[in-house]
Amino acid sequence: SSTERGFLEGFSFWVLVIVVSQALNGLIMSVVMKHSSNITRLFVISCSILVNALLSVALFNLQLTLLFFIAVSCIGLAVHLYYGVT
């Protein structure tokens, strides 16, 4: 006898959370990318990576490395240099 298995069988609640958050992230990024300049798009993508890393820390106890903090500093410096008041 064959048993019918559901499409989401075997996936946990956290998988659903990740899928929904990535879908919302994609929708927000598509709106930004449609109405902004190329440099702003790059900053949005970089900030998206930061948000995903912070969510991973909160949800999955991800251990951030020194390289992550160097990358965050570089992104912050780039945003400051581009948008900073001169």
C-alpha atoms as a PDB file:
ATOM      1  CA  SER A   1       0.000   0.000   0.000  1.00  0.00           C
ATOM      2  CA  SER A   2       1.328   3.446  -0.871  1.00  0.00           C
ATOM      3  CA  THR A   3       1.062   6.317   1.544  1.00  0.00           C
ATOM      4  CA  GLU A   4       0.689   9.801   0.196  1.00  0.00           C
ATOM      5  CA  ARG A   5       3.223  12.253   1.562  1.00  0.00           C
ATOM      6  CA  GLY A   6       2.564  15.961   1.769  1.00  0.00           C
ATOM      7  CA  PHE A   7       4.779  18.490   0.003  1.00  0.00           C
ATOM      8  CA  LEU A   8       6.037  19.984   3.283  1.00  0.00           C
ATOM      9  CA  GLU A   9       6.414  16.718   5.195  1.00  0.00           C
ATOM     10  CA  GLY A  10       9.733  16.527   7.000  1.00  0.00           C
ATOM     11  CA  PHE A  11      10.310  20.273   7.167  1.00  0.00           C
ATOM     12  CA  SER A  12      10.326  22.085  10.490  1.00  0.00           C
ATOM     13  CA  PHE A  13       8.707  25.378  11.446  1.00  0.00           C
ATOM     14  CA  TRP A  14      12.080  27.129  11.077  1.00  0.00           C
ATOM     15  CA  VAL A  15      12.311  26.109   7.432  1.00  0.00           C
ATOM     16  CA  LEU A  16       9.005  27.871   6.839  1.00  0.00           C
ATOM     17  CA  VAL A  17      10.307  30.957   8.673  1.00  0.00           C
ATOM     18  CA  ILE A  18      13.422  31.040   6.484  1.00  0.00           C
ATOM     19  CA  VAL A  19      11.456  30.614   3.264  1.00  0.00           C
ATOM     20  CA  VAL A  20       8.963  33.345   4.173  1.00  0.00           C
ATOM     21  CA  SER A  21      11.684  35.763   5.307  1.00  0.00           C
ATOM     22  CA  GLN A  22      13.682  35.222   2.121  1.00  0.00           C
ATOM     23  CA  ALA A  23      10.553  35.743   0.016  1.00  0.00           C
ATOM     24  CA  LEU A  24       9.791  39.017   1.812  1.00  0.00           C
ATOM     25  CA  ASN A  25      13.429  40.031   1.479  1.00  0.00           C
ATOM     26  CA  GLY A  26      13.240  39.423  -2.266  1.00  0.00           C
ATOM     27  CA  LEU A  27      10.052  41.473  -2.621  1.00  0.00           C
ATOM     28  CA  ILE A  28      11.529  44.400  -0.696  1.00  0.00           C
ATOM     29  CA  MET A  29      14.724  44.258  -2.729  1.00  0.00           C
ATOM     30  CA  SER A  30      12.778  44.179  -5.992  1.00  0.00           C
ATOM     31  CA  VAL A  31      10.937  47.380  -5.029  1.00  0.00           C
ATOM     32  CA  VAL A  32      14.206  49.076  -4.097  1.00  0.00           C
ATOM     33  CA  MET A  33      15.939  47.885  -7.248  1.00  0.00           C
ATOM     34  CA  LYS A  34      13.105  49.140  -9.433  1.00  0.00           C
ATOM     35  CA  HIS A  35      13.144  52.666  -8.013  1.00  0.00           C
ATOM     36  CA  SER A  36      16.784  53.364  -7.172  1.00  0.00           C
ATOM     37  CA  SER A  37      20.241  53.847  -8.627  1.00  0.00           C
ATOM     38  CA  ASN A  38      22.827  51.124  -9.140  1.00  0.00           C
ATOM     39  CA  ILE A  39      24.948  52.147  -6.148  1.00  0.00           C
ATOM     40  CA  THR A  40      21.920  52.087  -3.872  1.00  0.00           C
ATOM     41  CA  ARG A  41      21.156  48.586  -5.110  1.00  0.00           C
ATOM     42  CA  LEU A  42      24.623  47.443  -4.061  1.00  0.00           C
ATOM     43  CA  PHE A  43      24.162  48.927  -0.604  1.00  0.00           C
ATOM     44  CA  VAL A  44      20.769  47.253  -0.245  1.00  0.00           C
ATOM     45  CA  ILE A  45      22.230  43.878  -1.184  1.00  0.00           C
ATOM     46  CA  SER A  46      25.046  44.354   1.327  1.00  0.00           C
ATOM     47  CA  CYS A  47      22.606  45.346   4.061  1.00  0.00           C
ATOM     48  CA  SER A  48      20.441  42.362   3.191  1.00  0.00           C
ATOM     49  CA  ILE A  49      23.386  40.067   3.854  1.00  0.00           C
ATOM     50  CA  LEU A  50      23.909  41.784   7.213  1.00  0.00           C
ATOM     51  CA  VAL A  51      20.268  41.366   8.210  1.00  0.00           C
ATOM     52  CA  ASN A  52      20.341  37.684   7.270  1.00  0.00           C
ATOM     53  CA  ALA A  53      23.496  37.192   9.338  1.00  0.00           C
ATOM     54  CA  LEU A  54      21.917  38.886  12.362  1.00  0.00           C
ATOM     55  CA  LEU A  55      18.781  36.760  12.018  1.00  0.00           C
ATOM     56  CA  SER A  56      20.980  33.672  11.838  1.00  0.00           C
ATOM     57  CA  VAL A  57      22.664  34.729  15.069  1.00  0.00           C
ATOM     58  CA  ALA A  58      19.312  35.209  16.780  1.00  0.00           C
ATOM     59  CA  LEU A  59      17.621  32.078  15.456  1.00  0.00           C
ATOM     60  CA  PHE A  60      20.440  29.572  15.019  1.00  0.00           C
ATOM     61  CA  ASN A  61      23.209  30.788  17.353  1.00  0.00           C
ATOM     62  CA  LEU A  62      25.556  31.452  14.441  1.00  0.00           C
ATOM     63  CA  GLN A  63      29.033  32.410  15.625  1.00  0.00           C
ATOM     64  CA  LEU A  64      30.253  35.512  13.781  1.00  0.00           C
ATOM     65  CA  THR A  65      33.923  35.700  12.907  1.00  0.00           C
ATOM     66  CA  LEU A  66      36.361  38.587  12.742  1.00  0.00           C
ATOM     67  CA  LEU A  67      36.056  38.547   8.946  1.00  0.00           C
ATOM     68  CA  PHE A  68      32.330  39.281   9.260  1.00  0.00           C
ATOM     69  CA  PHE A  69      33.009  42.350  11.397  1.00  0.00           C
ATOM     70  CA  ILE A  70      35.666  43.547   8.952  1.00  0.00           C
ATOM     71  CA  ALA A  71      33.110  43.243   6.136  1.00  0.00           C
ATOM     72  CA  VAL A  72      30.511  45.142   8.187  1.00  0.00           C
ATOM     73  CA  SER A  73      33.051  47.897   8.823  1.00  0.00           C
ATOM     74  CA  CYS A  74      33.871  48.140   5.117  1.00  0.00           C
ATOM     75  CA  ILE A  75      30.192  48.387   4.211  1.00  0.00           C
ATOM     76  CA  GLY A  76      29.645  51.069   6.845  1.00  0.00           C
ATOM     77  CA  LEU A  77      32.647  53.020   5.591  1.00  0.00           C
ATOM     78  CA  ALA A  78      31.429  52.771   1.994  1.00  0.00           C
ATOM     79  CA  VAL A  79      27.959  54.026   2.944  1.00  0.00           C
ATOM     80  CA  HIS A  80      29.477  56.873   4.931  1.00  0.00           C
ATOM     81  CA  LEU A  81      31.815  57.880   2.113  1.00  0.00           C
ATOM     82  CA  TYR A  82      29.060  57.779  -0.493  1.00  0.00           C
ATOM     83  CA  TYR A  83      26.238  59.410   1.452  1.00  0.00           C
ATOM     84  CA  GLY A  84      28.268  61.421   3.960  1.00  0.00           C
ATOM     85  CA  VAL A  85      27.987  65.196   4.019  1.00  0.00           C
ATOM     86  CA  THR A  86      31.056  66.897   2.585  1.00  0.00           C
END
